[in-house]
Amino acid sequence: MSRRHHIAFTIHALTPEDFQSYLFSDDDLNSAIRNQVYHDMMAPLSNYFIYTGHNSYLTGNQLSSECSEVPIEKALKRGVRVIELDIWPNSSKDDVHVLRGRT
């Protein structure tokens, strides 16, 4: 991840604002598909396949790996259009954190 992105992490947490800022940055994140439609998109949504990710934030297997933004970045660069994030309220319940099962 480039240094231009100011992302606040607190025990593997990424704020929604930071994530949105990263997704809409001017970096080469999905640059080939970001600015243009390259297919006829007139069919119903159910006619299209969407490349998705599961446990997108894990560095390895589901049981013992760490959470990180790196797998998310790699998935998005590969063209994944949907990622999974586990969002939990913070202790004061006025914000959310992206965490793996509150761990």
C-alpha atoms as a PDB file:
ATOM      1  CA  MET A   1       0.000   0.000   0.000  1.00  0.00           C
ATOM      2  CA  SER A   2       1.439   3.372  -0.888  1.00  0.00           C
ATOM      3  CA  ARG A   3       2.308   5.886   1.782  1.00  0.00           C
ATOM      4  CA  ARG A   4      -0.224   8.334   0.345  1.00  0.00           C
ATOM      5  CA  HIS A   5      -2.997   6.447   2.088  1.00  0.00           C
ATOM      6  CA  HIS A   6      -3.395   7.440   5.694  1.00  0.00           C
ATOM      7  CA  ILE A   7      -5.083   4.410   7.188  1.00  0.00           C
ATOM      8  CA  ALA A   8      -5.656   4.178  10.911  1.00  0.00           C
ATOM      9  CA  PHE A   9      -5.297   0.674  12.320  1.00  0.00           C
ATOM     10  CA  THR A  10      -6.132  -0.227  15.880  1.00  0.00           C
ATOM     11  CA  ILE A  11      -5.591  -3.912  16.546  1.00  0.00           C
ATOM     12  CA  HIS A  12      -6.333  -4.917  12.939  1.00  0.00           C
ATOM     13  CA  ALA A  13      -9.169  -2.404  12.512  1.00  0.00           C
ATOM     14  CA  LEU A  14      -9.746  -0.260   9.426  1.00  0.00           C
ATOM     15  CA  THR A  15     -12.217   2.610   9.613  1.00  0.00           C
ATOM     16  CA  PRO A  16     -14.937   2.754   6.958  1.00  0.00           C
ATOM     17  CA  GLU A  17     -13.793   6.260   5.988  1.00  0.00           C
ATOM     18  CA  ASP A  18     -10.221   5.087   5.405  1.00  0.00           C
ATOM     19  CA  PHE A  19     -11.417   2.112   3.369  1.00  0.00           C
ATOM     20  CA  GLN A  20     -13.645   4.308   1.210  1.00  0.00           C
ATOM     21  CA  SER A  21     -10.786   6.764   0.700  1.00  0.00           C
ATOM     22  CA  TYR A  22      -8.537   3.905  -0.408  1.00  0.00           C
ATOM     23  CA  LEU A  23     -11.119   2.484  -2.828  1.00  0.00           C
ATOM     24  CA  PHE A  24     -11.723   5.841  -4.493  1.00  0.00           C
ATOM     25  CA  SER A  25      -8.083   6.932  -4.589  1.00  0.00           C
ATOM     26  CA  ASP A  26      -6.346   7.802  -7.842  1.00  0.00           C
ATOM     27  CA  ASP A  27      -3.960   4.844  -7.558  1.00  0.00           C
ATOM     28  CA  ASP A  28      -4.025   2.032 -10.103  1.00  0.00           C
ATOM     29  CA  LEU A  29      -6.576   0.024  -8.141  1.00  0.00           C
ATOM     30  CA  ASN A  30      -8.599  -1.735 -10.842  1.00  0.00           C
ATOM     31  CA  SER A  31      -7.688   1.017 -13.292  1.00  0.00           C
ATOM     32  CA  ALA A  32      -8.610  -1.153 -16.274  1.00  0.00           C
ATOM     33  CA  ILE A  33     -12.224  -1.409 -15.153  1.00  0.00           C
ATOM     34  CA  ARG A  34     -12.698   1.648 -12.984  1.00  0.00           C
ATOM     35  CA  ASN A  35     -13.503   4.245 -15.646  1.00  0.00           C
ATOM     36  CA  GLN A  36     -15.184   2.344 -18.436  1.00  0.00           C
ATOM     37  CA  VAL A  37     -17.850  -0.223 -19.175  1.00  0.00           C
ATOM     38  CA  TYR A  38     -16.447  -2.774 -21.585  1.00  0.00           C
ATOM     39  CA  HIS A  39     -19.436  -5.099 -21.970  1.00  0.00           C
ATOM     40  CA  ASP A  40     -23.033  -4.703 -23.046  1.00  0.00           C
ATOM     41  CA  MET A  41     -24.644  -4.161 -19.654  1.00  0.00           C
ATOM     42  CA  MET A  42     -28.288  -4.176 -20.785  1.00  0.00           C
ATOM     43  CA  ALA A  43     -29.140  -7.701 -19.527  1.00  0.00           C
ATOM     44  CA  PRO A  44     -30.660  -8.345 -16.074  1.00  0.00           C
ATOM     45  CA  LEU A  45     -28.148  -8.408 -13.207  1.00  0.00           C
ATOM     46  CA  SER A  46     -28.659 -12.154 -12.738  1.00  0.00           C
ATOM     47  CA  ASN A  47     -27.028 -12.722 -16.164  1.00  0.00           C
ATOM     48  CA  TYR A  48     -23.617 -11.535 -14.965  1.00  0.00           C
ATOM     49  CA  PHE A  49     -20.918 -13.151 -12.869  1.00  0.00           C
ATOM     50  CA  ILE A  50     -19.329 -11.033 -10.158  1.00  0.00           C
ATOM     51  CA  TYR A  51     -15.834 -11.983  -8.966  1.00  0.00           C
ATOM     52  CA  THR A  52     -16.102 -12.080  -5.158  1.00  0.00           C
ATOM     53  CA  GLY A  53     -13.856 -12.777  -2.201  1.00  0.00           C
ATOM     54  CA  HIS A  54     -14.489 -14.645   1.041  1.00  0.00           C
ATOM     55  CA  ASN A  55     -12.489 -13.910   4.208  1.00  0.00           C
ATOM     56  CA  SER A  56     -10.818 -11.227   2.108  1.00  0.00           C
ATOM     57  CA  TYR A  57      -9.003  -9.777   5.105  1.00  0.00           C
ATOM     58  CA  LEU A  58      -7.173 -12.971   6.198  1.00  0.00           C
ATOM     59  CA  THR A  59      -3.503 -13.623   5.431  1.00  0.00           C
ATOM     60  CA  GLY A  60      -3.957 -17.402   5.355  1.00  0.00           C
ATOM     61  CA  ASN A  61      -6.350 -20.072   6.573  1.00  0.00           C
ATOM     62  CA  GLN A  62      -9.558 -19.208   8.375  1.00  0.00           C
ATOM     63  CA  LEU A  63      -8.615 -20.723  11.730  1.00  0.00           C
ATOM     64  CA  SER A  64      -5.148 -19.423  12.534  1.00  0.00           C
ATOM     65  CA  SER A  65      -4.213 -16.562  10.207  1.00  0.00           C
ATOM     66  CA  GLU A  66      -3.956 -12.860  10.957  1.00  0.00           C
ATOM     67  CA  CYS A  67      -6.130 -10.021   9.649  1.00  0.00           C
ATOM     68  CA  SER A  68      -4.539  -7.513   7.301  1.00  0.00           C
ATOM     69  CA  GLU A  69      -5.334  -4.984   4.606  1.00  0.00           C
ATOM     70  CA  VAL A  70      -2.773  -6.648   2.296  1.00  0.00           C
ATOM     71  CA  PRO A  71      -5.028  -9.553   1.148  1.00  0.00           C
ATOM     72  CA  ILE A  72      -7.824  -7.052   0.454  1.00  0.00           C
ATOM     73  CA  GLU A  73      -5.500  -4.935  -1.671  1.00  0.00           C
ATOM     74  CA  LYS A  74      -4.277  -8.011  -3.579  1.00  0.00           C
ATOM     75  CA  ALA A  75      -7.834  -9.222  -4.199  1.00  0.00           C
ATOM     76  CA  LEU A  76      -8.924  -5.835  -5.530  1.00  0.00           C
ATOM     77  CA  LYS A  77      -5.892  -5.678  -7.821  1.00  0.00           C
ATOM     78  CA  ARG A  78      -6.845  -9.143  -9.176  1.00  0.00           C
ATOM     79  CA  GLY A  79     -10.255  -7.757 -10.077  1.00  0.00           C
ATOM     80  CA  VAL A  80     -12.390  -8.924  -7.164  1.00  0.00           C
ATOM     81  CA  ARG A  81     -15.462  -6.690  -7.127  1.00  0.00           C
ATOM     82  CA  VAL A  82     -16.984  -7.799  -3.805  1.00  0.00           C
ATOM     83  CA  ILE A  83     -15.062  -8.418  -0.599  1.00  0.00           C
ATOM     84  CA  GLU A  84     -16.146  -9.647   2.801  1.00  0.00           C
ATOM     85  CA  LEU A  85     -15.594  -7.506   5.877  1.00  0.00           C
ATOM     86  CA  ASP A  86     -16.670  -8.380   9.425  1.00  0.00           C
ATOM     87  CA  ILE A  87     -17.860  -5.095  10.916  1.00  0.00           C
ATOM     88  CA  TRP A  88     -18.381  -4.759  14.663  1.00  0.00           C
ATOM     89  CA  PRO A  89     -19.442  -1.789  16.803  1.00  0.00           C
ATOM     90  CA  ASN A  90     -16.752  -0.204  18.942  1.00  0.00           C
ATOM     91  CA  SER A  91     -17.030  -0.158  22.734  1.00  0.00           C
ATOM     92  CA  SER A  92     -18.996   3.108  22.817  1.00  0.00           C
ATOM     93  CA  LYS A  93     -21.193   1.921  19.921  1.00  0.00           C
ATOM     94  CA  ASP A  94     -20.752   5.187  18.025  1.00  0.00           C
ATOM     95  CA  ASP A  95     -18.478   3.762  15.305  1.00  0.00           C
ATOM     96  CA  VAL A  96     -17.515   0.430  13.769  1.00  0.00           C
ATOM     97  CA  HIS A  97     -14.305  -1.546  13.305  1.00  0.00           C
ATOM     98  CA  VAL A  98     -13.396  -4.200  10.769  1.00  0.00           C
ATOM     99  CA  LEU A  99     -12.388  -7.173  12.923  1.00  0.00           C
ATOM    100  CA  ARG A 100     -12.311 -10.940  12.644  1.00  0.00           C
ATOM    101  CA  GLY A 101     -14.992 -12.195  15.005  1.00  0.00           C
ATOM    102  CA  ARG A 102     -14.190  -9.440  17.528  1.00  0.00           C
ATOM    103  CA  THR A 103     -10.669 -10.778  17.890  1.00  0.00           C
END
